[in-house]
Amino acid sequence: MTTKPSEIPKDEEFMLLKTVLIFITEYVLPAYFFGSVAFLLWVIYHRIFH
């Protein structure tokens, strides 16, 4: 299989971008969501019990 040299960096760049997007959606978004929910619960808890 022969490919032009100009096509290889584009494919690698696309794969890297896809990996980063998967990483963000798999780890960063759930962590951010969990953190914001925990923060909201903490704020509500302190408003009620203080």
PDB file of N, CA and C in Angstrom:
ATOM      1  N   MET A   1       0.848  -1.203   0.000  1.00  0.00           N
ATOM      2  CA  MET A   1       0.000   0.000   0.000  1.00  0.00           C
ATOM      3  C   MET A   1       0.881   1.249   0.000  1.00  0.00           C
ATOM      4  N   THR A   2       0.723   2.080  -0.991  1.00  0.00           N
ATOM      5  CA  THR A   2       1.539   3.285  -1.110  1.00  0.00           C
ATOM      6  C   THR A   2       0.685   4.521  -0.853  1.00  0.00           C
ATOM      7  N   THR A   3       1.203   5.421  -0.047  1.00  0.00           N
ATOM      8  CA  THR A   3       0.505   6.667   0.244  1.00  0.00           C
ATOM      9  C   THR A   3       1.453   7.832   0.018  1.00  0.00           C
ATOM     10  N   LYS A   4       0.917   8.950  -0.363  1.00  0.00           N
ATOM     11  CA  LYS A   4       1.729  10.143  -0.551  1.00  0.00           C
ATOM     12  C   LYS A   4       2.207  10.656   0.813  1.00  0.00           C
ATOM     13  N   PRO A   5       3.399  11.196   0.877  1.00  0.00           N
ATOM     14  CA  PRO A   5       3.926  11.719   2.147  1.00  0.00           C
ATOM     15  C   PRO A   5       3.048  12.813   2.755  1.00  0.00           C
ATOM     16  N   SER A   6       2.312  13.546   1.906  1.00  0.00           N
ATOM     17  CA  SER A   6       1.497  14.648   2.405  1.00  0.00           C
ATOM     18  C   SER A   6       0.240  14.136   3.110  1.00  0.00           C
ATOM     19  N   GLU A   7      -0.138  12.888   2.864  1.00  0.00           N
ATOM     20  CA  GLU A   7      -1.361  12.361   3.468  1.00  0.00           C
ATOM     21  C   GLU A   7      -1.128  11.822   4.878  1.00  0.00           C
ATOM     22  N   ILE A   8       0.101  11.407   5.164  1.00  0.00           N
ATOM     23  CA  ILE A   8       0.378  10.756   6.445  1.00  0.00           C
ATOM     24  C   ILE A   8       0.190  11.705   7.646  1.00  0.00           C
ATOM     25  N   PRO A   9       0.768  12.920   7.630  1.00  0.00           N
ATOM     26  CA  PRO A   9       0.554  13.813   8.783  1.00  0.00           C
ATOM     27  C   PRO A   9      -0.916  14.157   9.008  1.00  0.00           C
ATOM     28  N   LYS A  10      -1.684  14.292   7.924  1.00  0.00           N
ATOM     29  CA  LYS A  10      -3.102  14.609   8.085  1.00  0.00           C
ATOM     30  C   LYS A  10      -3.840  13.484   8.800  1.00  0.00           C
ATOM     31  N   ASP A  11      -3.534  12.236   8.428  1.00  0.00           N
ATOM     32  CA  ASP A  11      -4.173  11.089   9.078  1.00  0.00           C
ATOM     33  C   ASP A  11      -3.793  11.022  10.551  1.00  0.00           C
ATOM     34  N   GLU A  12      -2.505  11.246  10.832  1.00  0.00           N
ATOM     35  CA  GLU A  12      -2.057  11.217  12.227  1.00  0.00           C
ATOM     36  C   GLU A  12      -2.698  12.339  13.029  1.00  0.00           C
ATOM     37  N   GLU A  13      -2.802  13.500  12.419  1.00  0.00           N
ATOM     38  CA  GLU A  13      -3.422  14.645  13.088  1.00  0.00           C
ATOM     39  C   GLU A  13      -4.884  14.348  13.390  1.00  0.00           C
ATOM     40  N   PHE A  14      -5.572  13.742  12.413  1.00  0.00           N
ATOM     41  CA  PHE A  14      -6.979  13.406  12.598  1.00  0.00           C
ATOM     42  C   PHE A  14      -7.154  12.376  13.708  1.00  0.00           C
ATOM     43  N   MET A  15      -6.275  11.373  13.732  1.00  0.00           N
ATOM     44  CA  MET A  15      -6.349  10.348  14.780  1.00  0.00           C
ATOM     45  C   MET A  15      -6.085  10.962  16.150  1.00  0.00           C
ATOM     46  N   LEU A  16      -5.124  11.871  16.222  1.00  0.00           N
ATOM     47  CA  LEU A  16      -4.820  12.547  17.485  1.00  0.00           C
ATOM     48  C   LEU A  16      -6.015  13.366  17.946  1.00  0.00           C
ATOM     49  N   LEU A  17      -6.633  14.083  17.022  1.00  0.00           N
ATOM     50  CA  LEU A  17      -7.808  14.890  17.351  1.00  0.00           C
ATOM     51  C   LEU A  17      -8.943  14.001  17.838  1.00  0.00           C
ATOM     52  N   LYS A  18      -9.137  12.856  17.159  1.00  0.00           N
ATOM     53  CA  LYS A  18     -10.187  11.922  17.555  1.00  0.00           C
ATOM     54  C   LYS A  18      -9.912  11.366  18.954  1.00  0.00           C
ATOM     55  N   THR A  19      -8.642  11.041  19.218  1.00  0.00           N
ATOM     56  CA  THR A  19      -8.266  10.528  20.534  1.00  0.00           C
ATOM     57  C   THR A  19      -8.530  11.565  21.622  1.00  0.00           C
ATOM     58  N   VAL A  20      -8.167  12.817  21.339  1.00  0.00           N
ATOM     59  CA  VAL A  20      -8.388  13.895  22.311  1.00  0.00           C
ATOM     60  C   VAL A  20      -9.881  14.090  22.556  1.00  0.00           C
ATOM     61  N   LEU A  21     -10.678  14.069  21.496  1.00  0.00           N
ATOM     62  CA  LEU A  21     -12.122  14.236  21.647  1.00  0.00           C
ATOM     63  C   LEU A  21     -12.729  13.103  22.457  1.00  0.00           C
ATOM     64  N   ILE A  22     -12.284  11.867  22.186  1.00  0.00           N
ATOM     65  CA  ILE A  22     -12.785  10.720  22.943  1.00  0.00           C
ATOM     66  C   ILE A  22     -12.389  10.862  24.407  1.00  0.00           C
ATOM     67  N   PHE A  23     -11.121  11.275  24.659  1.00  0.00           N
ATOM     68  CA  PHE A  23     -10.652  11.460  26.026  1.00  0.00           C
ATOM     69  C   PHE A  23     -11.498  12.494  26.759  1.00  0.00           C
ATOM     70  N   ILE A  24     -11.794  13.619  26.080  1.00  0.00           N
ATOM     71  CA  ILE A  24     -12.588  14.685  26.701  1.00  0.00           C
ATOM     72  C   ILE A  24     -13.988  14.190  27.031  1.00  0.00           C
ATOM     73  N   THR A  25     -14.631  13.494  26.066  1.00  0.00           N
ATOM     74  CA  THR A  25     -16.012  13.062  26.286  1.00  0.00           C
ATOM     75  C   THR A  25     -16.081  11.924  27.304  1.00  0.00           C
ATOM     76  N   GLU A  26     -15.029  11.080  27.368  1.00  0.00           N
ATOM     77  CA  GLU A  26     -15.059   9.933  28.277  1.00  0.00           C
ATOM     78  C   GLU A  26     -14.681  10.310  29.704  1.00  0.00           C
ATOM     79  N   TYR A  27     -13.721  11.226  29.874  1.00  0.00           N
ATOM     80  CA  TYR A  27     -13.177  11.501  31.209  1.00  0.00           C
ATOM     81  C   TYR A  27     -13.463  12.919  31.698  1.00  0.00           C
ATOM     82  N   VAL A  28     -13.231  13.923  30.852  1.00  0.00           N
ATOM     83  CA  VAL A  28     -13.320  15.308  31.313  1.00  0.00           C
ATOM     84  C   VAL A  28     -14.770  15.701  31.575  1.00  0.00           C
ATOM     85  N   LEU A  29     -15.678  15.393  30.642  1.00  0.00           N
ATOM     86  CA  LEU A  29     -17.077  15.787  30.822  1.00  0.00           C
ATOM     87  C   LEU A  29     -17.735  15.111  32.026  1.00  0.00           C
ATOM     88  N   PRO A  30     -17.600  13.788  32.208  1.00  0.00           N
ATOM     89  CA  PRO A  30     -18.179  13.184  33.410  1.00  0.00           C
ATOM     90  C   PRO A  30     -17.583  13.743  34.705  1.00  0.00           C
ATOM     91  N   ALA A  31     -16.269  13.976  34.722  1.00  0.00           N
ATOM     92  CA  ALA A  31     -15.628  14.522  35.916  1.00  0.00           C
ATOM     93  C   ALA A  31     -16.142  15.937  36.195  1.00  0.00           C
ATOM     94  N   TYR A  32     -16.278  16.755  35.133  1.00  0.00           N
ATOM     95  CA  TYR A  32     -16.782  18.114  35.286  1.00  0.00           C
ATOM     96  C   TYR A  32     -18.230  18.091  35.762  1.00  0.00           C
ATOM     97  N   PHE A  33     -19.030  17.199  35.174  1.00  0.00           N
ATOM     98  CA  PHE A  33     -20.434  17.079  35.559  1.00  0.00           C
ATOM     99  C   PHE A  33     -20.545  16.648  37.019  1.00  0.00           C
ATOM    100  N   PHE A  34     -19.776  15.623  37.405  1.00  0.00           N
ATOM    101  CA  PHE A  34     -19.813  15.137  38.786  1.00  0.00           C
ATOM    102  C   PHE A  34     -19.355  16.220  39.759  1.00  0.00           C
ATOM    103  N   GLY A  35     -18.300  16.950  39.360  1.00  0.00           N
ATOM    104  CA  GLY A  35     -17.793  18.013  40.223  1.00  0.00           C
ATOM    105  C   GLY A  35     -18.805  19.131  40.419  1.00  0.00           C
ATOM    106  N   SER A  36     -19.482  19.520  39.354  1.00  0.00           N
ATOM    107  CA  SER A  36     -20.464  20.600  39.459  1.00  0.00           C
ATOM    108  C   SER A  36     -21.678  20.155  40.268  1.00  0.00           C
ATOM    109  N   VAL A  37     -22.101  18.904  40.116  1.00  0.00           N
ATOM    110  CA  VAL A  37     -23.223  18.382  40.895  1.00  0.00           C
ATOM    111  C   VAL A  37     -22.846  18.317  42.375  1.00  0.00           C
ATOM    112  N   ALA A  38     -21.644  17.825  42.661  1.00  0.00           N
ATOM    113  CA  ALA A  38     -21.187  17.759  44.051  1.00  0.00           C
ATOM    114  C   ALA A  38     -21.091  19.156  44.659  1.00  0.00           C
ATOM    115  N   PHE A  39     -20.619  20.126  43.875  1.00  0.00           N
ATOM    116  CA  PHE A  39     -20.511  21.506  44.357  1.00  0.00           C
ATOM    117  C   PHE A  39     -21.894  22.085  44.657  1.00  0.00           C
ATOM    118  N   LEU A  40     -22.848  21.833  43.768  1.00  0.00           N
ATOM    119  CA  LEU A  40     -24.211  22.320  43.992  1.00  0.00           C
ATOM    120  C   LEU A  40     -24.807  21.703  45.250  1.00  0.00           C
ATOM    121  N   LEU A  41     -24.612  20.401  45.425  1.00  0.00           N
ATOM    122  CA  LEU A  41     -25.121  19.738  46.627  1.00  0.00           C
ATOM    123  C   LEU A  41     -24.475  20.326  47.877  1.00  0.00           C
ATOM    124  N   TRP A  42     -23.170  20.614  47.808  1.00  0.00           N
ATOM    125  CA  TRP A  42     -22.458  21.195  48.946  1.00  0.00           C
ATOM    126  C   TRP A  42     -23.018  22.576  49.284  1.00  0.00           C
ATOM    127  N   VAL A  43     -23.269  23.394  48.243  1.00  0.00           N
ATOM    128  CA  VAL A  43     -23.822  24.738  48.459  1.00  0.00           C
ATOM    129  C   VAL A  43     -25.219  24.650  49.078  1.00  0.00           C
ATOM    130  N   ILE A  44     -26.060  23.763  48.547  1.00  0.00           N
ATOM    131  CA  ILE A  44     -27.422  23.587  49.084  1.00  0.00           C
ATOM    132  C   ILE A  44     -27.353  23.108  50.535  1.00  0.00           C
ATOM    133  N   TYR A  45     -26.462  22.150  50.805  1.00  0.00           N
ATOM    134  CA  TYR A  45     -26.298  21.628  52.167  1.00  0.00           C
ATOM    135  C   TYR A  45     -25.932  22.745  53.139  1.00  0.00           C
ATOM    136  N   HIS A  46     -24.995  23.598  52.753  1.00  0.00           N
ATOM    137  CA  HIS A  46     -24.572  24.675  53.651  1.00  0.00           C
ATOM    138  C   HIS A  46     -25.635  25.753  53.799  1.00  0.00           C
ATOM    139  N   ARG A  47     -26.453  25.950  52.783  1.00  0.00           N
ATOM    140  CA  ARG A  47     -27.532  26.940  52.901  1.00  0.00           C
ATOM    141  C   ARG A  47     -28.616  26.437  53.843  1.00  0.00           C
ATOM    142  N   ILE A  48     -28.865  25.146  53.849  1.00  0.00           N
ATOM    143  CA  ILE A  48     -29.938  24.588  54.678  1.00  0.00           C
ATOM    144  C   ILE A  48     -29.484  24.461  56.132  1.00  0.00           C
ATOM    145  N   PHE A  49     -28.261  23.955  56.334  1.00  0.00           N
ATOM    146  CA  PHE A  49     -27.848  23.602  57.690  1.00  0.00           C
ATOM    147  C   PHE A  49     -26.996  24.659  58.377  1.00  0.00           C
ATOM    148  N   HIS A  50     -26.915  25.860  57.814  1.00  0.00           N
ATOM    149  CA  HIS A  50     -26.142  26.909  58.495  1.00  0.00           C
ATOM    150  C   HIS A  50     -26.915  28.205  58.568  1.00  0.00           C
TER     151      HIS A  50
END
